[in-house]
Amino acid sequence: MDILASLRSVIHPLHREGVKFVLIFAIATLLLFLLWRPLGWFGVVLTLWCIYFFRDPARATPVRPGLVVSPADGKVVDTAQAVPPAELGLGAEPRSRVSIFMSVFDVHVNRIPVAATIDRTVYRPGKFLNAADDKASDDNERNGLRLILDDGRDLGVVQIAGLVARRIVCEVQPGQRLETGTRFGIIRFGSRLDVYLPAGVVPLVAVGQRAVAGETVIADLASTEAARLAVVG
């Protein structure tokens, strides 16, 4: 039973976006074995990494009304006040923005941060700067969602391509009502997500903290707690 539990902790379902890539890597590996065995083993390593990259683990999402959870796995790299992208229609006033950077080793499946209705999705082409760079929010290729919460407030979620990311996948449409933690897309390969919280709401995560998509609470719409700071040690 312990062995089975250990296997379940590292083996997860594959996101459908990854199926074709795993097949391509596997076929290439067979060809490399025919050419030269050491190259074949290199292909095996790359194929296993591809399976790992596109993993889609289940998550235990807290569902108390008002909780905003992380839409991505990764490191919190910014919790600044920032003006949302104009195309989202969130206004010109700065809001609390939580930015989460996903390395190529993080799960890249994105989840809805709070129960809401999709008001709009907007794709904008752009550059492919390092997603950890603050300029990435303004300059990089991105896909944004404006969410209308049950109490009428709005919230923005922006998928941002990174240095090696060349494909943003958004699987939801305007008008859909989605629950907290619902999968809504994926970005290939290394990227960033920005969350623009409703006016007056502060982040409950700090720069340097690790976030887990669908599980880590990044804000509470009903809380009056001050924004959090972290001490690294």
Protein backbone atom coordinates (compact mmCIF):
# COMPACT_ATOMS: atom_id res chain seq x y z
CA MET A 1 0.00 0.00 0.00
CA ASP A 2 2.89 2.36 0.79
CA ILE A 3 4.37 1.72 -2.64
CA LEU A 4 1.03 2.45 -4.31
CA ALA A 5 0.66 5.66 -2.31
CA SER A 6 4.16 6.73 -3.30
CA LEU A 7 3.42 6.07 -6.96
CA ARG A 8 0.20 8.10 -6.80
CA SER A 9 2.17 11.04 -5.40
CA VAL A 10 4.34 11.26 -8.53
CA ILE A 11 2.13 9.80 -11.27
CA HIS A 12 -0.75 12.05 -12.35
CA PRO A 13 -3.20 12.20 -15.26
CA LEU A 14 -1.91 13.86 -18.42
CA HIS A 15 -3.50 17.07 -19.66
CA ARG A 16 -4.90 16.54 -23.16
CA GLU A 17 -2.62 19.28 -24.54
CA GLY A 18 0.31 17.05 -23.70
CA VAL A 19 -0.80 13.86 -25.47
CA LYS A 20 0.49 14.86 -28.91
CA PHE A 21 3.80 16.06 -27.48
CA VAL A 22 4.36 12.82 -25.57
CA LEU A 23 3.65 10.85 -28.77
CA ILE A 24 6.07 13.01 -30.77
CA PHE A 25 8.78 12.62 -28.13
CA ALA A 26 8.19 8.85 -27.94
CA ILE A 27 8.42 8.39 -31.72
CA ALA A 28 11.55 10.53 -31.85
CA THR A 29 13.04 8.40 -29.07
CA LEU A 30 12.48 5.20 -31.07
CA LEU A 31 14.21 6.76 -34.07
CA LEU A 32 17.11 7.89 -31.90
CA PHE A 33 17.52 4.34 -30.57
CA LEU A 34 17.79 3.13 -34.16
CA LEU A 35 20.45 5.73 -34.92
CA TRP A 36 22.52 5.45 -31.75
CA ARG A 37 21.55 3.92 -28.40
CA PRO A 38 22.94 6.73 -26.16
CA LEU A 39 20.79 9.23 -28.10
CA GLY A 40 17.82 6.97 -27.52
CA TRP A 41 18.28 7.14 -23.75
CA PHE A 42 18.48 10.92 -24.03
CA GLY A 43 15.13 10.76 -25.82
CA VAL A 44 13.71 8.66 -22.97
CA VAL A 45 14.69 11.38 -20.49
CA LEU A 46 13.03 14.06 -22.63
CA THR A 47 9.87 11.97 -23.02
CA LEU A 48 9.62 11.42 -19.27
CA TRP A 49 10.10 15.16 -18.72
CA CYS A 50 7.31 15.89 -21.22
CA ILE A 51 4.97 13.57 -19.31
CA TYR A 52 5.99 15.31 -16.09
CA PHE A 53 5.46 18.79 -17.55
CA PHE A 54 1.91 18.09 -18.73
CA ARG A 55 0.79 16.42 -15.49
CA ASP A 56 -2.63 17.46 -14.24
CA PRO A 57 -2.95 16.53 -10.56
CA ALA A 58 -6.18 16.72 -8.60
CA ARG A 59 -6.42 19.52 -6.07
CA ALA A 60 -8.40 20.05 -2.84
CA THR A 61 -9.94 23.50 -3.31
CA PRO A 62 -11.25 25.49 -0.31
CA VAL A 63 -14.75 26.66 -1.20
CA ARG A 64 -15.79 29.13 1.52
CA PRO A 65 -17.46 32.13 -0.18
CA GLY A 66 -14.99 34.99 -0.67
CA LEU A 67 -11.80 32.96 -0.83
CA VAL A 68 -9.61 33.64 -3.87
CA VAL A 69 -7.20 30.81 -4.66
CA SER A 70 -4.10 30.76 -6.77
CA PRO A 71 -4.74 30.11 -10.49
CA ALA A 72 -1.25 28.66 -10.96
CA ASP A 73 1.53 26.66 -9.35
CA GLY A 74 4.71 28.62 -8.84
CA LYS A 75 6.50 31.39 -6.99
CA VAL A 76 4.84 34.66 -6.04
CA VAL A 77 7.10 37.26 -7.66
CA ASP A 78 5.05 40.43 -7.13
CA THR A 79 2.16 41.78 -5.04
CA ALA A 80 2.24 45.39 -6.23
CA GLN A 81 -0.44 47.93 -7.06
CA ALA A 82 -0.86 48.03 -10.85
CA VAL A 83 -3.31 49.22 -13.49
CA PRO A 84 -4.99 46.23 -15.19
CA PRO A 85 -4.61 45.73 -18.95
CA ALA A 86 -6.97 48.13 -20.72
CA GLU A 87 -8.54 45.40 -22.84
CA LEU A 88 -10.10 43.78 -19.76
CA GLY A 89 -12.27 46.78 -18.96
CA LEU A 90 -11.32 46.79 -15.28
CA GLY A 91 -10.81 50.55 -15.14
CA ALA A 92 -7.74 52.77 -14.98
CA GLU A 93 -7.24 52.75 -11.20
CA PRO A 94 -4.42 50.62 -9.74
CA ARG A 95 -5.42 47.38 -8.02
CA SER A 96 -3.57 44.78 -6.00
CA ARG A 97 -1.89 42.43 -8.46
CA VAL A 98 -0.58 39.01 -7.50
CA SER A 99 1.95 37.68 -10.02
CA ILE A 100 2.89 33.98 -10.00
CA PHE A 101 5.83 32.69 -12.04
CA MET A 102 5.74 29.11 -13.31
CA SER A 103 9.08 27.47 -14.08
CA VAL A 104 9.31 24.56 -16.51
CA PHE A 105 9.13 22.23 -13.49
CA ASP A 106 5.79 23.53 -12.19
CA VAL A 107 2.33 22.24 -13.08
CA HIS A 108 1.10 24.49 -15.90
CA VAL A 109 -2.64 23.79 -15.74
CA ASN A 110 -4.46 27.01 -14.77
CA ARG A 111 -7.52 27.19 -12.50
CA ILE A 112 -10.26 29.74 -11.89
CA PRO A 113 -9.39 31.66 -8.67
CA VAL A 114 -12.95 32.34 -7.46
CA ALA A 115 -16.53 31.37 -8.37
CA ALA A 116 -17.59 33.78 -11.10
CA THR A 117 -19.02 34.28 -14.57
CA ILE A 118 -16.67 34.86 -17.49
CA ASP A 119 -17.44 38.34 -18.82
CA ARG A 120 -14.78 38.44 -21.54
CA THR A 121 -11.60 36.74 -22.76
CA VAL A 122 -9.11 38.84 -24.70
CA TYR A 123 -5.95 37.65 -26.47
CA ARG A 124 -3.15 40.11 -27.21
CA PRO A 125 0.05 39.25 -29.13
CA GLY A 126 3.35 40.49 -27.74
CA LYS A 127 6.95 39.72 -26.86
CA PHE A 128 8.44 36.69 -25.11
CA LEU A 129 10.47 38.26 -22.32
CA ASN A 130 11.40 36.35 -19.18
CA ALA A 131 8.03 35.89 -17.44
CA ALA A 132 9.59 36.68 -14.05
CA ASP A 133 10.42 40.18 -15.31
CA ASP A 134 7.95 42.87 -14.25
CA LYS A 135 7.83 44.14 -17.85
CA ALA A 136 6.26 40.84 -18.91
CA SER A 137 2.86 42.00 -17.61
CA ASP A 138 2.83 44.84 -20.15
CA ASP A 139 4.93 43.61 -23.07
CA ASN A 140 4.50 39.83 -23.40
CA GLU A 141 1.90 37.85 -25.33
CA ARG A 142 -1.08 37.38 -23.05
CA ASN A 143 -4.64 36.20 -22.69
CA GLY A 144 -6.86 37.92 -20.16
CA LEU A 145 -10.15 37.02 -18.49
CA ARG A 146 -12.52 39.41 -16.77
CA LEU A 147 -14.57 37.61 -14.13
CA ILE A 148 -17.80 38.95 -12.64
CA LEU A 149 -18.20 37.75 -9.06
CA ASP A 150 -21.51 36.81 -7.47
CA ASP A 151 -21.58 40.11 -5.55
CA GLY A 152 -21.10 42.16 -8.73
CA ARG A 153 -17.42 42.97 -8.27
CA ASP A 154 -14.91 42.07 -10.96
CA LEU A 155 -11.51 40.40 -11.02
CA GLY A 156 -8.90 39.93 -13.76
CA VAL A 157 -6.80 36.88 -14.56
CA VAL A 158 -4.06 37.18 -17.19
CA GLN A 159 -2.12 34.28 -18.71
CA ILE A 160 1.29 35.57 -19.84
CA ALA A 161 3.69 33.76 -22.17
CA GLY A 162 7.30 33.48 -21.04
CA LEU A 163 10.76 33.22 -22.52
CA VAL A 164 10.19 29.73 -23.93
CA ALA A 165 6.38 29.66 -23.86
CA ARG A 166 4.86 29.77 -27.32
CA ARG A 167 1.30 28.69 -26.73
CA ILE A 168 -1.42 29.99 -24.42
CA VAL A 169 -4.49 27.78 -24.23
CA CYS A 170 -7.74 29.18 -22.81
CA GLU A 171 -10.63 26.72 -22.74
CA VAL A 172 -13.47 28.93 -21.44
CA GLN A 173 -15.88 31.32 -23.15
CA PRO A 174 -17.77 34.46 -22.10
CA GLY A 175 -21.02 33.66 -20.34
CA GLN A 176 -19.77 30.53 -18.59
CA ARG A 177 -20.32 30.28 -14.82
CA LEU A 178 -17.37 28.49 -13.23
CA GLU A 179 -16.66 27.37 -9.69
CA THR A 180 -13.48 28.07 -7.74
CA GLY A 181 -10.65 25.77 -8.83
CA THR A 182 -12.13 24.84 -12.23
CA ARG A 183 -9.47 24.21 -14.86
CA PHE A 184 -9.57 26.84 -17.58
CA GLY A 185 -6.35 26.55 -19.57
CA ILE A 186 -2.64 25.79 -19.79
CA ILE A 187 0.51 27.55 -20.99
CA ARG A 188 3.46 25.82 -22.66
CA PHE A 189 6.46 25.95 -21.43
CA GLY A 190 7.29 28.31 -18.54
CA SER A 191 5.12 31.37 -17.98
CA ARG A 192 3.26 33.63 -15.53
CA LEU A 193 -0.22 34.44 -14.27
CA ASP A 194 -1.36 37.80 -12.93
CA VAL A 195 -4.47 38.21 -10.77
CA TYR A 196 -5.97 41.70 -10.44
CA LEU A 197 -8.03 41.66 -7.25
CA PRO A 198 -11.21 43.72 -6.76
CA ALA A 199 -10.69 47.28 -5.55
CA GLY A 200 -9.78 47.42 -1.87
CA VAL A 201 -8.87 43.73 -1.57
CA VAL A 202 -5.28 43.00 -0.50
CA PRO A 203 -3.15 39.89 -1.13
CA LEU A 204 -2.75 37.31 1.63
CA VAL A 205 0.44 35.93 0.07
CA ALA A 206 3.91 37.47 0.05
CA VAL A 207 6.70 37.71 -2.50
CA GLY A 208 8.83 34.57 -2.43
CA GLN A 209 5.99 32.30 -1.29
CA ARG A 210 5.16 29.14 -3.23
CA ALA A 211 1.57 28.87 -4.47
CA VAL A 212 -0.41 25.80 -5.47
CA ALA A 213 -3.13 26.19 -8.11
CA GLY A 214 -6.61 25.65 -6.75
CA GLU A 215 -5.40 25.34 -3.14
CA THR A 216 -3.35 28.30 -1.91
CA VAL A 217 -5.57 31.17 -0.73
CA ILE A 218 -4.17 34.41 -2.18
CA ALA A 219 -6.94 36.76 -0.95
CA ASP A 220 -10.18 36.86 1.01
CA LEU A 221 -12.92 39.17 -0.29
CA ALA A 222 -14.45 39.39 3.19
CA SER A 223 -11.22 39.97 5.13
CA THR A 224 -10.02 43.26 6.61
CA GLU A 225 -6.56 41.84 7.29
CA ALA A 226 -3.60 43.92 6.12
CA ALA A 227 -1.42 42.73 3.24
CA ARG A 228 1.14 40.15 4.36
CA LEU A 229 4.91 40.39 4.28
CA ALA A 230 7.37 37.52 4.45
CA VAL A 231 10.75 36.97 6.04
CA VAL A 232 13.01 34.56 4.19
CA GLY A 233 15.06 32.40 6.48
